[in-house]
Protein backbone atom coordinates (compact mmCIF):
# COMPACT_ATOMS: atom_id res chain seq x y z
CA MET A 1 0.15 0.00 -0.17
CA ALA A 2 2.84 2.16 0.40
CA VAL A 3 4.11 1.93 -2.78
CA TYR A 4 0.47 2.43 -4.34
CA ASP A 5 0.24 5.51 -2.19
CA PHE A 6 3.32 7.05 -3.78
CA LEU A 7 2.71 6.68 -7.19
CA THR A 8 -1.08 8.49 -6.73
CA LEU A 9 0.95 11.21 -5.05
CA SER A 10 3.72 11.29 -7.28
CA GLU A 11 0.80 11.35 -10.18
CA ARG A 12 -0.80 14.19 -9.37
CA SER A 13 0.26 17.56 -10.55
CA PRO A 14 0.25 20.49 -7.54
CA THR A 15 -1.00 23.57 -8.42
CA PRO A 16 1.65 25.63 -10.20
CA ALA A 17 3.51 27.76 -7.83
CA PRO A 18 3.14 31.83 -9.63
CA HIS A 19 5.89 32.29 -12.23
CA HIS A 20 7.81 34.71 -10.48
CA SER A 21 10.33 35.31 -14.27
CA SER A 22 6.63 36.44 -15.57
CA MET A 23 6.64 39.08 -13.14
CA PHE A 24 9.87 39.87 -13.52
CA THR A 25 9.36 40.33 -17.26
CA SER A 26 6.72 42.55 -16.53
CA ILE A 27 8.46 45.09 -14.73
CA LEU A 28 11.16 44.76 -17.23
CA TRP A 29 8.61 45.79 -20.06
CA LYS A 30 6.82 48.63 -17.50
CA ARG A 31 10.10 50.07 -17.11
CA GLY A 32 11.95 49.63 -20.91
CA LEU A 33 8.43 51.42 -22.02
CA ILE A 34 9.02 54.48 -19.71
CA GLY A 35 12.66 54.64 -20.34
CA LEU A 36 11.67 54.54 -24.34
CA ALA A 37 9.21 57.41 -23.73
CA VAL A 38 11.77 59.92 -21.97
CA VAL A 39 14.65 59.07 -24.51
CA PHE A 40 11.98 59.71 -27.56
CA CYS A 41 10.86 63.11 -25.19
CA ILE A 42 14.44 64.59 -24.97
CA ALA A 43 15.81 63.02 -28.46
CA LEU A 44 12.64 64.45 -30.65
CA PRO A 45 13.17 68.10 -29.80
CA LEU A 46 16.85 67.57 -30.35
CA ALA A 47 16.21 66.15 -33.67
CA ASN A 48 14.26 68.92 -34.43
CA GLY A 49 17.05 71.33 -33.20
CA ASN A 50 15.52 75.14 -34.47
CA LEU A 51 11.60 73.93 -33.76
CA ARG A 52 11.12 77.31 -31.90
CA VAL A 53 13.19 79.44 -35.16
CA SER A 54 10.70 77.58 -37.75
CA ARG A 55 7.60 77.63 -36.16
CA SER A 56 7.77 81.99 -34.93
CA SER A 57 9.36 85.01 -35.85
CA PRO A 58 12.32 85.63 -33.80
CA LEU A 59 12.11 88.67 -30.89
CA THR A 60 11.45 91.96 -32.95
CA GLY A 61 12.11 93.90 -29.39
CA LYS A 62 9.43 96.33 -30.95
CA PRO A 63 6.89 97.60 -28.05
CA LEU A 64 3.57 96.74 -28.13
CA LEU A 65 1.28 99.12 -29.42
CA THR A 66 3.27 101.33 -31.02
CA GLY A 67 1.51 105.08 -32.31
CA SER A 68 -1.39 104.13 -30.85
CA GLY A 69 -2.00 106.20 -27.91
CA VAL A 70 -2.93 103.70 -25.65
CA PRO A 71 -3.01 104.35 -21.73
CA ALA A 72 0.51 102.78 -19.75
CA PRO A 73 -1.84 101.30 -17.54
CA VAL A 74 -3.58 99.18 -20.50
CA SER A 75 -0.40 98.96 -22.16
CA SER A 76 1.18 97.62 -18.90
CA ILE A 77 -1.60 95.04 -18.92
CA LEU A 78 -1.73 93.66 -22.71
CA GLN A 79 2.02 93.83 -22.58
CA ARG A 80 2.11 91.27 -19.25
CA ALA A 81 -1.31 89.29 -20.17
CA CYS A 82 -1.42 89.35 -23.71
CA ARG A 83 2.51 89.24 -25.20
CA ASP A 84 2.72 85.56 -25.39
CA CYS A 85 0.35 84.68 -27.81
CA HIS A 86 -0.84 88.03 -29.70
CA SER A 87 3.12 89.46 -30.52
CA ASP A 88 6.28 88.68 -31.89
CA ASN A 89 7.74 88.96 -28.32
CA THR A 90 6.69 85.80 -27.25
CA VAL A 91 8.61 84.76 -24.28
CA TRP A 92 8.31 80.82 -24.84
CA PRO A 93 8.34 78.83 -21.53
CA TRP A 94 11.27 75.94 -21.30
CA TYR A 95 8.34 73.16 -22.12
CA ALA A 96 7.70 74.72 -25.35
CA ASP A 97 10.42 72.33 -27.37
CA LEU A 98 8.59 69.14 -25.77
CA PRO A 99 6.08 66.95 -27.92
CA PRO A 100 3.21 66.74 -27.85
CA VAL A 101 3.05 69.76 -25.52
CA SER A 102 4.93 72.20 -28.10
CA TRP A 103 2.70 71.25 -31.38
CA ARG A 104 -0.10 72.76 -28.92
CA ILE A 105 1.96 75.59 -27.81
CA HIS A 106 3.33 76.65 -31.18
CA SER A 107 -0.40 76.19 -32.89
CA ASP A 108 -2.14 78.11 -29.95
CA VAL A 109 1.02 81.18 -30.37
CA SER A 110 0.44 81.14 -34.41
CA ARG A 111 -3.70 81.13 -34.06
CA GLY A 112 -3.27 84.25 -31.54
CA ARG A 113 -1.34 85.99 -33.67
CA ALA A 114 -3.19 85.51 -36.85
CA PHE A 115 -5.99 87.01 -35.06
CA MET A 116 -4.38 89.54 -33.58
CA ASN A 117 -0.63 90.56 -33.26
CA LEU A 118 0.35 93.65 -31.11
CA SER A 119 3.50 94.09 -32.53
CA GLU A 120 1.84 95.47 -35.38
CA TRP A 121 -0.71 97.35 -33.96
CA GLY A 122 0.83 100.72 -35.18
CA GLU A 123 0.17 99.33 -38.95
CA TYR A 124 -3.83 97.97 -38.22
CA SER A 125 -6.30 100.64 -39.62
CA ASP A 126 -8.41 102.67 -37.36
CA ASP A 127 -11.17 100.65 -38.07
CA GLN A 128 -9.39 97.38 -37.27
CA ARG A 129 -8.15 98.59 -33.90
CA ARG A 130 -11.73 99.41 -33.61
CA GLY A 131 -12.91 96.08 -34.04
CA PHE A 132 -9.63 94.63 -32.12
CA ARG A 133 -10.67 96.80 -29.34
CA LEU A 134 -14.03 95.43 -29.88
CA ALA A 135 -13.00 92.27 -29.57
CA ILE A 136 -10.83 92.62 -26.04
CA LEU A 137 -13.87 93.93 -24.76
CA THR A 138 -16.30 91.00 -25.67
CA ALA A 139 -13.88 88.27 -24.70
CA THR A 140 -12.86 89.93 -21.01
CA GLN A 141 -16.51 90.20 -20.32
CA ALA A 142 -17.16 86.26 -21.65
CA GLY A 143 -13.66 85.37 -19.60
CA ILE A 144 -12.25 83.38 -22.47
CA MET A 145 -9.37 85.65 -22.64
CA PRO A 146 -6.79 85.10 -21.19
CA PRO A 147 -7.44 81.43 -22.08
CA PRO A 148 -8.33 79.75 -18.39
CA LYS A 149 -5.71 76.87 -19.63
CA TYR A 150 -2.95 79.18 -20.15
CA VAL A 151 -3.24 81.24 -16.59
CA TRP A 152 -3.30 77.84 -14.64
CA MET A 153 0.43 77.21 -16.33
CA HIS A 154 1.48 81.35 -16.29
CA ARG A 155 0.03 83.30 -12.77
CA ASP A 156 1.20 86.23 -14.02
CA ALA A 157 -1.04 86.67 -16.96
CA LYS A 158 -4.33 86.47 -14.88
CA LEU A 159 -6.40 89.54 -14.28
CA SER A 160 -7.72 91.30 -11.43
CA ASP A 161 -11.21 92.68 -11.58
CA ALA A 162 -9.58 95.97 -11.18
CA GLU A 163 -7.26 95.23 -14.52
CA LEU A 164 -10.20 93.73 -16.36
CA LYS A 165 -12.27 96.97 -15.94
CA VAL A 166 -9.28 98.65 -17.17
CA LEU A 167 -8.92 97.09 -20.21
CA GLN A 168 -12.74 97.55 -20.14
CA GLU A 169 -13.27 100.86 -19.95
CA TRP A 170 -10.50 101.59 -22.27
CA ALA A 171 -11.80 99.23 -25.06
CA LEU A 172 -15.45 100.82 -24.71
CA SER A 173 -14.00 104.28 -24.75
CA GLN A 174 -12.52 103.92 -28.12
CA THR A 175 -15.07 101.80 -29.60
CA LYS A 176 -17.86 104.62 -29.14
CA GLY A 177 -19.94 105.67 -32.04
CA CYS A 178 -19.24 101.99 -33.42
CA PRO A 179 -22.81 100.05 -34.40
CA GLN A 180 -22.05 96.79 -32.72
CA ASN A 181 -21.47 98.81 -29.05
CA ARG A 182 -24.58 100.51 -28.71
CA GLY A 183 -25.90 100.09 -25.42
CA ALA A 184 -22.89 98.29 -24.71
CA MET A 185 -21.78 98.47 -20.80
CA PRO A 186 -19.02 96.90 -19.06
CA ARG A 187 -19.59 94.25 -16.37
């Protein structure tokens, strides 16, 4: 009977122990993927080299709103909160070269400049400037400028209620007589 018990016990297949090599392989894969992502994020900007130069204008050093008679407080607010997206004097943050974030940043700046470029303010006609002031008034009243996603990363672009009032009063006073502005009051 002892031989029978031995044979039956040896023929039974015990539940296999968990494979430590599969856990080890899984950890290696995760580390490998993370390492590959890090290398990719570092290598792509280096491969692009002059990403900034090719997608944006160089710093002009030209003051914003030249030849417009914009009051100093308004000019100061626009310089601080709007310059990076709406002028040729963009100050690029360090992460502006890291894809895929860089793609979004460069796209936003290009769109902002295409809509209104404060570096070219003196070249716009009076009607164009009036339209831009009306757009500034509307965008600040609606709370869409500066964009919340931008302010989240650039705290210095956040406008206080007093600064919003200064901008809105300036824009409103400069758009008087504009048909779209009749009856509009700053909030």
